[in-house]
Amino acid sequence: MEQQKLPNSTLILVFGILSILTCCCYGVLGLIFAIIALVMAKKATALYVEAPEQYTGFNNVKTGRILAIIGLILNLIYLGYVIWLFATLGMEGIMEMNQDIMEQYGGKLFLLP
């Protein structure tokens, strides 16, 4: 019997990577990618466990799941930090802090030599 690729194995890997890359988007966008990747990985793992000889690409599922877990943790930490900032400083305090940073660096985000 010919082996077939696990459904969504590449997509799980991509969503796991995106969950880490988007962790600085207030922690929300990366959370969505991480949760979707974990749900899809659970379904793909269940399918693979039923008939492992029929499917390939399980390494992508395992790697994507690990990356999604890391992304989930990073996003939860960052979301907690953002909530803490809003709770302690408020919107005005955050805007003032951003203004101070912009004045300190002369409006430049990247300092080139």
Protein backbone atom coordinates (compact mmCIF):
# COMPACT_ATOMS: atom_id res chain seq x y z
CA MET A 1 0.00 0.00 0.00
CA GLU A 2 1.28 3.45 -0.89
CA GLN A 3 1.96 5.87 1.93
CA GLN A 4 0.26 9.24 1.88
CA LYS A 5 1.19 12.48 3.57
CA LEU A 6 -0.59 13.29 6.81
CA PRO A 7 -3.26 15.93 6.21
CA ASN A 8 -2.18 19.43 7.26
CA SER A 9 1.27 18.32 8.44
CA THR A 10 3.01 21.22 6.69
CA LEU A 11 0.32 23.67 7.80
CA ILE A 12 0.81 22.60 11.43
CA LEU A 13 4.52 23.32 11.11
CA VAL A 14 3.87 26.72 9.50
CA PHE A 15 1.34 27.69 12.19
CA GLY A 16 3.79 26.62 14.90
CA ILE A 17 6.45 28.87 13.41
CA LEU A 18 3.98 31.75 13.00
CA SER A 19 2.90 31.43 16.62
CA ILE A 20 6.46 32.21 17.68
CA LEU A 21 7.06 34.93 15.10
CA THR A 22 3.86 36.80 16.00
CA CYS A 23 4.25 36.67 19.77
CA CYS A 24 4.88 40.42 19.91
CA CYS A 25 1.49 41.26 18.37
CA TYR A 26 0.06 41.85 21.86
CA GLY A 27 0.05 38.08 22.37
CA VAL A 28 -3.28 37.59 20.60
CA LEU A 29 -2.38 36.73 17.02
CA GLY A 30 0.23 34.20 18.08
CA LEU A 31 -2.23 32.61 20.51
CA ILE A 32 -4.64 32.00 17.64
CA PHE A 33 -1.94 30.36 15.51
CA ALA A 34 -0.73 28.23 18.44
CA ILE A 35 -4.20 26.98 19.37
CA ILE A 36 -5.07 26.13 15.77
CA ALA A 37 -1.76 24.29 15.35
CA LEU A 38 -2.29 22.30 18.56
CA VAL A 39 -5.83 21.27 17.60
CA MET A 40 -4.73 20.23 14.12
CA ALA A 41 -1.73 18.36 15.57
CA LYS A 42 -3.99 16.44 17.93
CA LYS A 43 -6.19 15.33 15.02
CA ALA A 44 -3.20 14.40 12.86
CA THR A 45 -1.60 12.45 15.72
CA ALA A 46 -4.80 10.49 16.30
CA LEU A 47 -4.95 9.68 12.60
CA TYR A 48 -1.30 8.59 12.58
CA VAL A 49 -1.67 6.39 15.68
CA GLU A 50 -4.51 4.46 14.04
CA ALA A 51 -2.40 3.46 11.03
CA PRO A 52 1.24 4.60 11.19
CA GLU A 53 2.25 2.56 8.16
CA GLN A 54 -0.13 4.54 5.91
CA TYR A 55 1.19 8.04 6.58
CA THR A 56 4.37 10.06 6.25
CA GLY A 57 5.14 13.54 7.56
CA PHE A 58 4.67 12.84 11.25
CA ASN A 59 7.95 14.64 11.99
CA ASN A 60 6.39 17.88 10.73
CA VAL A 61 3.45 17.33 13.08
CA LYS A 62 5.72 16.70 16.08
CA THR A 63 7.92 19.71 15.31
CA GLY A 64 4.91 21.95 14.68
CA ARG A 65 3.35 20.84 17.95
CA ILE A 66 6.51 21.63 19.91
CA LEU A 67 6.80 25.04 18.23
CA ALA A 68 3.12 25.73 18.94
CA ILE A 69 3.61 24.92 22.63
CA ILE A 70 6.61 27.27 22.77
CA GLY A 71 4.63 29.93 20.92
CA LEU A 72 1.67 29.46 23.27
CA ILE A 73 3.88 29.99 26.32
CA LEU A 74 5.59 33.06 24.81
CA ASN A 75 2.27 34.56 23.80
CA LEU A 76 0.73 34.00 27.22
CA ILE A 77 3.72 35.65 28.89
CA TYR A 78 3.57 38.63 26.52
CA LEU A 79 -0.21 38.94 26.86
CA GLY A 80 0.18 38.94 30.63
CA TYR A 81 2.83 41.66 30.32
CA VAL A 82 0.56 43.80 28.14
CA ILE A 83 -2.34 43.38 30.56
CA TRP A 84 -0.05 44.30 33.45
CA LEU A 85 1.14 47.41 31.57
CA PHE A 86 -2.41 48.58 30.92
CA ALA A 87 -3.43 47.83 34.50
CA THR A 88 -0.54 49.73 36.07
CA LEU A 89 0.21 52.55 33.61
CA GLY A 90 -3.00 52.95 31.68
CA MET A 91 -3.16 54.11 28.09
CA GLU A 92 -1.81 57.58 28.91
CA GLY A 93 1.20 56.16 30.72
CA ILE A 94 2.03 53.85 27.83
CA MET A 95 1.73 56.70 25.32
CA GLU A 96 3.99 58.86 27.51
CA MET A 97 6.53 56.07 27.79
CA ASN A 98 6.53 55.65 24.00
CA GLN A 99 6.97 59.41 23.56
CA ASP A 100 9.96 59.40 25.93
CA ILE A 101 11.57 56.58 23.96
CA MET A 102 11.00 58.39 20.67
CA GLU A 103 12.56 61.59 22.06
CA GLN A 104 15.50 59.66 23.48
CA TYR A 105 16.34 58.12 20.11
CA GLY A 106 15.42 61.18 18.04
CA GLY A 107 12.46 59.48 16.38
CA LYS A 108 14.63 56.71 14.93
CA LEU A 109 13.74 53.15 15.63
CA PHE A 110 16.97 51.73 14.22
CA LEU A 111 20.32 53.38 14.76
CA LEU A 112 22.52 52.95 11.73
CA PRO A 113 26.30 53.50 11.90
